[in-house]
Amino acid sequence: MAGGADDTYAEAISGNGLVTVGNDASGALLVWNEMQSAIAYSQPQDVSATLYSVTFDGSTVWGSGAGEMVSWTAPHTFSVFEVPDVSTITLTDVSDDGRVAVGVGWTTSGAGAGRLVDGQWSWLNASGAGVCFAYGTNAEGSRVAGWCNTPVVWFGNDQFDVVGYLELAAAGLDVDVTEPTSRIVALSADGTVALGDAQARAFIVRLPP
């Protein structure tokens, strides 16, 4: 995929496989429509953004800056959503229709996972943890894969205890999901299958509907 004035990085591809988003080393925002040369997208004024995600049909691309999330529906048509009380916000994924975006916000007390729904930001339940990360969401944005001192999935805003669930189910996995670095990194479209990373091995959890 041609384009970019410097080292070029692809960050995400649409669910239909037609649109890819990324950046180059100079900070340019790049979007490829199939295999055509990259189209440079505009930066909002006073925002230094990076593209991180794209909706299923490729109609909306998403990125984030220091304290805001940004969506584009065309190279020069964008909306900026301010995220309060953060020094940095990093978008990690969006729902298939682009209505829900998830990410990680750094605050004065640590890092928190949150969700932007119809332009309104809310923090996901940390259950007392000082650092939480959101890595991905399901197709409709109702469930979020992440880490909060333990691998978690948020159902709505509430944490689902993956480790406790596996112990209750006597799953007997040949991986140590209780390792502090174990995390849930992705969800199936319907949110009932979670992909976990236990460092030495990956694991799959079938979640309640």
C-alpha atoms as a PDB file:
ATOM      1  CA  MET A   1       0.000   0.000   0.000  1.00  0.00           C
ATOM      2  CA  ALA A   2       1.768   3.084  -1.276  1.00  0.00           C
ATOM      3  CA  GLY A   3       1.831   6.431   0.490  1.00  0.00           C
ATOM      4  CA  GLY A   4       3.372   8.189   3.424  1.00  0.00           C
ATOM      5  CA  ALA A   5       6.408  10.432   3.456  1.00  0.00           C
ATOM      6  CA  ASP A   6       8.387   8.377   5.956  1.00  0.00           C
ATOM      7  CA  ASP A   7       8.209   5.074   7.836  1.00  0.00           C
ATOM      8  CA  THR A   8       4.549   4.023   7.628  1.00  0.00           C
ATOM      9  CA  TYR A   9       2.457   2.103  10.158  1.00  0.00           C
ATOM     10  CA  ALA A  10      -0.873   0.352   9.585  1.00  0.00           C
ATOM     11  CA  GLU A  11      -3.005   0.298  12.752  1.00  0.00           C
ATOM     12  CA  ALA A  12      -6.355  -1.294  11.821  1.00  0.00           C
ATOM     13  CA  ILE A  13      -8.443  -2.670   8.966  1.00  0.00           C
ATOM     14  CA  SER A  14     -12.212  -2.458   8.533  1.00  0.00           C
ATOM     15  CA  GLY A  15     -14.321  -5.548   9.121  1.00  0.00           C
ATOM     16  CA  ASN A  16     -15.109  -5.809   5.411  1.00  0.00           C
ATOM     17  CA  GLY A  17     -11.377  -5.718   4.627  1.00  0.00           C
ATOM     18  CA  LEU A  18     -11.548  -2.703   2.322  1.00  0.00           C
ATOM     19  CA  VAL A  19     -10.220   0.231   4.378  1.00  0.00           C
ATOM     20  CA  THR A  20      -6.947   0.408   6.310  1.00  0.00           C
ATOM     21  CA  VAL A  21      -5.904   3.234   8.638  1.00  0.00           C
ATOM     22  CA  GLY A  22      -2.488   4.225   9.880  1.00  0.00           C
ATOM     23  CA  ASN A  23       0.143   6.911  10.228  1.00  0.00           C
ATOM     24  CA  ASP A  24       3.634   7.742   9.087  1.00  0.00           C
ATOM     25  CA  ALA A  25       6.612   8.803  11.171  1.00  0.00           C
ATOM     26  CA  SER A  26       5.934  12.480  10.492  1.00  0.00           C
ATOM     27  CA  GLY A  27       2.505  12.178  12.132  1.00  0.00           C
ATOM     28  CA  ALA A  28       0.450  12.203   8.925  1.00  0.00           C
ATOM     29  CA  LEU A  29      -2.927  10.441   9.161  1.00  0.00           C
ATOM     30  CA  LEU A  30      -3.250   7.922   6.333  1.00  0.00           C
ATOM     31  CA  VAL A  31      -6.226   5.965   5.014  1.00  0.00           C
ATOM     32  CA  TRP A  32      -6.030   3.361   2.254  1.00  0.00           C
ATOM     33  CA  ASN A  33      -9.142   2.385   0.284  1.00  0.00           C
ATOM     34  CA  GLU A  34      -8.336  -1.177  -0.763  1.00  0.00           C
ATOM     35  CA  MET A  35      -4.921  -1.083  -2.487  1.00  0.00           C
ATOM     36  CA  GLN A  36      -5.010   2.537  -3.678  1.00  0.00           C
ATOM     37  CA  SER A  37      -2.430   5.091  -2.582  1.00  0.00           C
ATOM     38  CA  ALA A  38      -2.920   6.562   0.873  1.00  0.00           C
ATOM     39  CA  ILE A  39      -5.265   9.483   1.381  1.00  0.00           C
ATOM     40  CA  ALA A  40      -4.030  12.024   3.957  1.00  0.00           C
ATOM     41  CA  TYR A  41      -6.709  13.008   6.483  1.00  0.00           C
ATOM     42  CA  SER A  42      -6.799  16.452   8.115  1.00  0.00           C
ATOM     43  CA  GLN A  43      -5.726  17.090  11.682  1.00  0.00           C
ATOM     44  CA  PRO A  44      -8.241  19.068  13.751  1.00  0.00           C
ATOM     45  CA  GLN A  45      -6.872  22.452  14.803  1.00  0.00           C
ATOM     46  CA  ASP A  46      -4.627  22.232  17.887  1.00  0.00           C
ATOM     47  CA  VAL A  47      -4.996  18.430  17.982  1.00  0.00           C
ATOM     48  CA  SER A  48      -2.139  16.038  17.305  1.00  0.00           C
ATOM     49  CA  ALA A  49      -4.008  12.812  16.596  1.00  0.00           C
ATOM     50  CA  THR A  50      -3.122   9.263  15.638  1.00  0.00           C
ATOM     51  CA  LEU A  51      -5.470   6.932  13.751  1.00  0.00           C
ATOM     52  CA  TYR A  52      -6.182   3.693  15.593  1.00  0.00           C
ATOM     53  CA  SER A  53      -9.449   2.152  14.390  1.00  0.00           C
ATOM     54  CA  VAL A  54     -12.138   2.013  11.701  1.00  0.00           C
ATOM     55  CA  THR A  55     -15.764   0.912  11.591  1.00  0.00           C
ATOM     56  CA  PHE A  56     -16.841  -2.386  10.012  1.00  0.00           C
ATOM     57  CA  ASP A  57     -17.861  -0.829   6.688  1.00  0.00           C
ATOM     58  CA  GLY A  58     -14.946   1.619   6.588  1.00  0.00           C
ATOM     59  CA  SER A  59     -17.196   4.681   6.561  1.00  0.00           C
ATOM     60  CA  THR A  60     -15.749   6.200   9.756  1.00  0.00           C
ATOM     61  CA  VAL A  61     -12.149   6.215  10.951  1.00  0.00           C
ATOM     62  CA  TRP A  62     -11.152   6.933  14.527  1.00  0.00           C
ATOM     63  CA  GLY A  63      -8.147   8.296  16.351  1.00  0.00           C
ATOM     64  CA  SER A  64      -7.148  10.078  19.518  1.00  0.00           C
ATOM     65  CA  GLY A  65      -5.007  12.985  20.626  1.00  0.00           C
ATOM     66  CA  ALA A  66      -3.778  14.246  23.989  1.00  0.00           C
ATOM     67  CA  GLY A  67      -7.191  14.711  25.596  1.00  0.00           C
ATOM     68  CA  GLU A  68      -9.696  13.938  22.901  1.00  0.00           C
ATOM     69  CA  MET A  69     -11.069  11.231  20.636  1.00  0.00           C
ATOM     70  CA  VAL A  70     -11.691  12.108  16.996  1.00  0.00           C
ATOM     71  CA  SER A  71     -13.782  10.524  14.234  1.00  0.00           C
ATOM     72  CA  TRP A  72     -13.658  11.241  10.503  1.00  0.00           C
ATOM     73  CA  THR A  73     -16.375  10.549   7.936  1.00  0.00           C
ATOM     74  CA  ALA A  74     -14.290  12.048   5.104  1.00  0.00           C
ATOM     75  CA  PRO A  75     -10.688  13.275   4.747  1.00  0.00           C
ATOM     76  CA  HIS A  76     -11.582  16.775   5.943  1.00  0.00           C
ATOM     77  CA  THR A  77     -14.768  16.087   7.921  1.00  0.00           C
ATOM     78  CA  PHE A  78     -14.246  15.232  11.573  1.00  0.00           C
ATOM     79  CA  SER A  79     -15.785  15.433  15.042  1.00  0.00           C
ATOM     80  CA  VAL A  80     -13.754  16.007  18.204  1.00  0.00           C
ATOM     81  CA  PHE A  81     -14.886  14.547  21.539  1.00  0.00           C
ATOM     82  CA  GLU A  82     -13.155  15.969  24.600  1.00  0.00           C
ATOM     83  CA  VAL A  83     -12.328  13.512  27.402  1.00  0.00           C
ATOM     84  CA  PRO A  84     -12.196  15.387  30.720  1.00  0.00           C
ATOM     85  CA  ASP A  85      -9.510  15.082  33.399  1.00  0.00           C
ATOM     86  CA  VAL A  86      -6.924  13.157  31.385  1.00  0.00           C
ATOM     87  CA  SER A  87      -3.398  14.013  30.332  1.00  0.00           C
ATOM     88  CA  THR A  88      -3.475  11.492  27.478  1.00  0.00           C
ATOM     89  CA  ILE A  89      -6.208   9.376  25.935  1.00  0.00           C
ATOM     90  CA  THR A  90      -5.538   6.449  23.588  1.00  0.00           C
ATOM     91  CA  LEU A  91      -8.382   4.991  21.572  1.00  0.00           C
ATOM     92  CA  THR A  92      -8.097   1.227  21.157  1.00  0.00           C
ATOM     93  CA  ASP A  93     -11.241   0.057  19.350  1.00  0.00           C
ATOM     94  CA  VAL A  94     -14.690   1.060  18.076  1.00  0.00           C
ATOM     95  CA  SER A  95     -17.942  -0.808  17.640  1.00  0.00           C
ATOM     96  CA  ASP A  96     -18.908  -1.937  14.157  1.00  0.00           C
ATOM     97  CA  ASP A  97     -21.240   1.033  13.672  1.00  0.00           C
ATOM     98  CA  GLY A  98     -18.876   3.579  15.257  1.00  0.00           C
ATOM     99  CA  ARG A  99     -21.349   4.579  17.961  1.00  0.00           C
ATOM    100  CA  VAL A 100     -19.119   3.277  20.778  1.00  0.00           C
ATOM    101  CA  ALA A 101     -15.368   3.846  21.196  1.00  0.00           C
ATOM    102  CA  VAL A 102     -13.177   2.437  23.959  1.00  0.00           C
ATOM    103  CA  GLY A 103      -9.774   3.470  25.193  1.00  0.00           C
ATOM    104  CA  VAL A 104      -7.335   4.178  27.992  1.00  0.00           C
ATOM    105  CA  GLY A 105      -7.042   7.517  29.750  1.00  0.00           C
ATOM    106  CA  TRP A 106      -4.075   8.542  31.884  1.00  0.00           C
ATOM    107  CA  THR A 107      -5.029  10.611  34.912  1.00  0.00           C
ATOM    108  CA  THR A 108      -3.143  12.021  37.901  1.00  0.00           C
ATOM    109  CA  SER A 109      -3.852   8.818  39.848  1.00  0.00           C
ATOM    110  CA  GLY A 110      -3.110   6.201  37.182  1.00  0.00           C
ATOM    111  CA  ALA A 111      -4.730   4.818  34.052  1.00  0.00           C
ATOM    112  CA  GLY A 112      -8.386   4.037  33.539  1.00  0.00           C
ATOM    113  CA  ALA A 113     -10.396   2.186  30.921  1.00  0.00           C
ATOM    114  CA  GLY A 114     -13.407   3.975  29.519  1.00  0.00           C
ATOM    115  CA  ARG A 115     -16.077   4.086  26.863  1.00  0.00           C
ATOM    116  CA  LEU A 116     -17.334   6.898  24.646  1.00  0.00           C
ATOM    117  CA  VAL A 117     -21.020   6.408  23.761  1.00  0.00           C
ATOM    118  CA  ASP A 118     -22.712   8.904  21.454  1.00  0.00           C
ATOM    119  CA  GLY A 119     -20.033  11.465  22.319  1.00  0.00           C
ATOM    120  CA  GLN A 120     -20.228  11.025  26.114  1.00  0.00           C
ATOM    121  CA  TRP A 121     -17.241   9.563  27.987  1.00  0.00           C
ATOM    122  CA  SER A 122     -17.620   7.333  31.065  1.00  0.00           C
ATOM    123  CA  TRP A 123     -15.105   5.320  33.065  1.00  0.00           C
ATOM    124  CA  LEU A 124     -15.473   1.569  33.366  1.00  0.00           C
ATOM    125  CA  ASN A 125     -15.621   0.142  36.879  1.00  0.00           C
ATOM    126  CA  ALA A 126     -12.057  -0.265  38.199  1.00  0.00           C
ATOM    127  CA  SER A 127     -13.058  -2.104  41.405  1.00  0.00           C
ATOM    128  CA  GLY A 128     -10.367  -0.194  43.296  1.00  0.00           C
ATOM    129  CA  ALA A 129      -7.504  -0.831  40.866  1.00  0.00           C
ATOM    130  CA  GLY A 130      -5.242   2.111  40.076  1.00  0.00           C
ATOM    131  CA  VAL A 131      -4.494   1.006  36.511  1.00  0.00           C
ATOM    132  CA  CYS A 132      -6.903  -0.539  33.999  1.00  0.00           C
ATOM    133  CA  PHE A 133      -6.622  -1.003  30.242  1.00  0.00           C
ATOM    134  CA  ALA A 134      -9.265  -1.520  27.553  1.00  0.00           C
ATOM    135  CA  TYR A 135      -8.074  -3.401  24.466  1.00  0.00           C
ATOM    136  CA  GLY A 136     -11.145  -4.083  22.358  1.00  0.00           C
ATOM    137  CA  THR A 137     -14.911  -4.239  22.168  1.00  0.00           C
ATOM    138  CA  ASN A 138     -17.523  -6.462  20.607  1.00  0.00           C
ATOM    139  CA  ALA A 139     -19.546  -5.503  17.540  1.00  0.00           C
ATOM    140  CA  GLU A 140     -22.153  -3.427  19.380  1.00  0.00           C
ATOM    141  CA  GLY A 141     -19.829  -1.963  22.032  1.00  0.00           C
ATOM    142  CA  SER A 142     -21.620  -3.513  25.015  1.00  0.00           C
ATOM    143  CA  ARG A 143     -18.630  -5.582  26.192  1.00  0.00           C
ATOM    144  CA  VAL A 144     -14.993  -4.548  26.559  1.00  0.00           C
ATOM    145  CA  ALA A 145     -11.875  -6.721  26.757  1.00  0.00           C
ATOM    146  CA  GLY A 146      -9.175  -5.598  29.147  1.00  0.00           C
ATOM    147  CA  TRP A 147      -6.938  -5.833  32.162  1.00  0.00           C
ATOM    148  CA  CYS A 148      -7.392  -4.418  35.659  1.00  0.00           C
ATOM    149  CA  ASN A 149      -4.704  -6.157  37.737  1.00  0.00           C
ATOM    150  CA  THR A 150      -6.324  -9.317  36.336  1.00  0.00           C
ATOM    151  CA  PRO A 151      -7.854 -10.309  32.996  1.00  0.00           C
ATOM    152  CA  VAL A 152     -11.347  -8.827  32.785  1.00  0.00           C
ATOM    153  CA  VAL A 153     -14.290  -8.301  30.485  1.00  0.00           C
ATOM    154  CA  TRP A 154     -16.635  -5.430  31.213  1.00  0.00           C
ATOM    155  CA  PHE A 155     -20.306  -6.225  30.689  1.00  0.00           C
ATOM    156  CA  GLY A 156     -21.691  -2.734  30.353  1.00  0.00           C
ATOM    157  CA  ASN A 157     -19.646  -0.824  32.959  1.00  0.00           C
ATOM    158  CA  ASP A 158     -19.290  -3.756  35.380  1.00  0.00           C
ATOM    159  CA  GLN A 159     -16.296  -6.048  35.590  1.00  0.00           C
ATOM    160  CA  PHE A 160     -16.790  -9.732  34.855  1.00  0.00           C
ATOM    161  CA  ASP A 161     -14.286 -11.754  36.912  1.00  0.00           C
ATOM    162  CA  VAL A 162     -12.694 -14.040  34.311  1.00  0.00           C
ATOM    163  CA  VAL A 163     -10.408 -15.869  36.753  1.00  0.00           C
ATOM    164  CA  GLY A 164     -13.233 -16.526  39.219  1.00  0.00           C
ATOM    165  CA  TYR A 165     -15.465 -17.689  36.370  1.00  0.00           C
ATOM    166  CA  LEU A 166     -12.854 -20.185  35.157  1.00  0.00           C
ATOM    167  CA  GLU A 167     -12.311 -21.489  38.683  1.00  0.00           C
ATOM    168  CA  LEU A 168     -16.062 -21.892  39.191  1.00  0.00           C
ATOM    169  CA  ALA A 169     -16.324 -23.732  35.888  1.00  0.00           C
ATOM    170  CA  ALA A 170     -13.327 -25.929  36.829  1.00  0.00           C
ATOM    171  CA  ALA A 171     -11.952 -25.174  33.381  1.00  0.00           C
ATOM    172  CA  GLY A 172      -8.542 -26.698  34.088  1.00  0.00           C
ATOM    173  CA  LEU A 173      -6.695 -24.546  31.575  1.00  0.00           C
ATOM    174  CA  ASP A 174      -3.055 -25.366  31.010  1.00  0.00           C
ATOM    175  CA  VAL A 175      -2.183 -21.679  31.362  1.00  0.00           C
ATOM    176  CA  ASP A 176      -1.721 -19.492  34.401  1.00  0.00           C
ATOM    177  CA  VAL A 177      -4.408 -16.866  33.924  1.00  0.00           C
ATOM    178  CA  THR A 178      -3.719 -15.571  37.435  1.00  0.00           C
ATOM    179  CA  GLU A 179      -0.343 -14.153  36.356  1.00  0.00           C
ATOM    180  CA  PRO A 180      -0.401 -10.365  36.897  1.00  0.00           C
ATOM    181  CA  THR A 181       0.319  -9.763  33.208  1.00  0.00           C
ATOM    182  CA  SER A 182      -2.500 -11.980  31.890  1.00  0.00           C
ATOM    183  CA  ARG A 183      -5.138  -9.978  30.056  1.00  0.00           C
ATOM    184  CA  ILE A 184      -8.141 -10.242  27.748  1.00  0.00           C
ATOM    185  CA  VAL A 185      -7.219  -8.667  24.425  1.00  0.00           C
ATOM    186  CA  ALA A 186     -10.157  -9.242  22.072  1.00  0.00           C
ATOM    187  CA  LEU A 187     -13.798 -10.324  21.867  1.00  0.00           C
ATOM    188  CA  SER A 188     -15.900 -12.033  19.231  1.00  0.00           C
ATOM    189  CA  ALA A 189     -18.558  -9.966  17.486  1.00  0.00           C
ATOM    190  CA  ASP A 190     -21.298 -11.187  19.848  1.00  0.00           C
ATOM    191  CA  GLY A 191     -19.074 -10.812  22.921  1.00  0.00           C
ATOM    192  CA  THR A 192     -19.386 -14.432  24.050  1.00  0.00           C
ATOM    193  CA  VAL A 193     -15.834 -15.551  23.171  1.00  0.00           C
ATOM    194  CA  ALA A 194     -12.803 -13.803  24.668  1.00  0.00           C
ATOM    195  CA  LEU A 195      -9.181 -14.116  23.595  1.00  0.00           C
ATOM    196  CA  GLY A 196      -6.680 -13.952  26.433  1.00  0.00           C
ATOM    197  CA  ASP A 197      -2.918 -13.514  26.582  1.00  0.00           C
ATOM    198  CA  ALA A 198      -1.143 -15.351  29.399  1.00  0.00           C
ATOM    199  CA  GLN A 199       2.319 -14.414  28.057  1.00  0.00           C
ATOM    200  CA  ALA A 200       3.615 -17.957  27.458  1.00  0.00           C
ATOM    201  CA  ARG A 201       0.309 -19.046  25.912  1.00  0.00           C
ATOM    202  CA  ALA A 202      -2.934 -17.633  24.588  1.00  0.00           C
ATOM    203  CA  PHE A 203      -6.296 -18.884  25.842  1.00  0.00           C
ATOM    204  CA  ILE A 204      -9.949 -18.647  24.832  1.00  0.00           C
ATOM    205  CA  VAL A 205     -12.834 -18.202  27.282  1.00  0.00           C
ATOM    206  CA  ARG A 206     -16.448 -18.868  26.358  1.00  0.00           C
ATOM    207  CA  LEU A 207     -18.443 -16.271  28.263  1.00  0.00           C
ATOM    208  CA  PRO A 208     -22.090 -16.275  29.344  1.00  0.00           C
ATOM    209  CA  PRO A 209     -24.454 -14.757  26.755  1.00  0.00           C
END
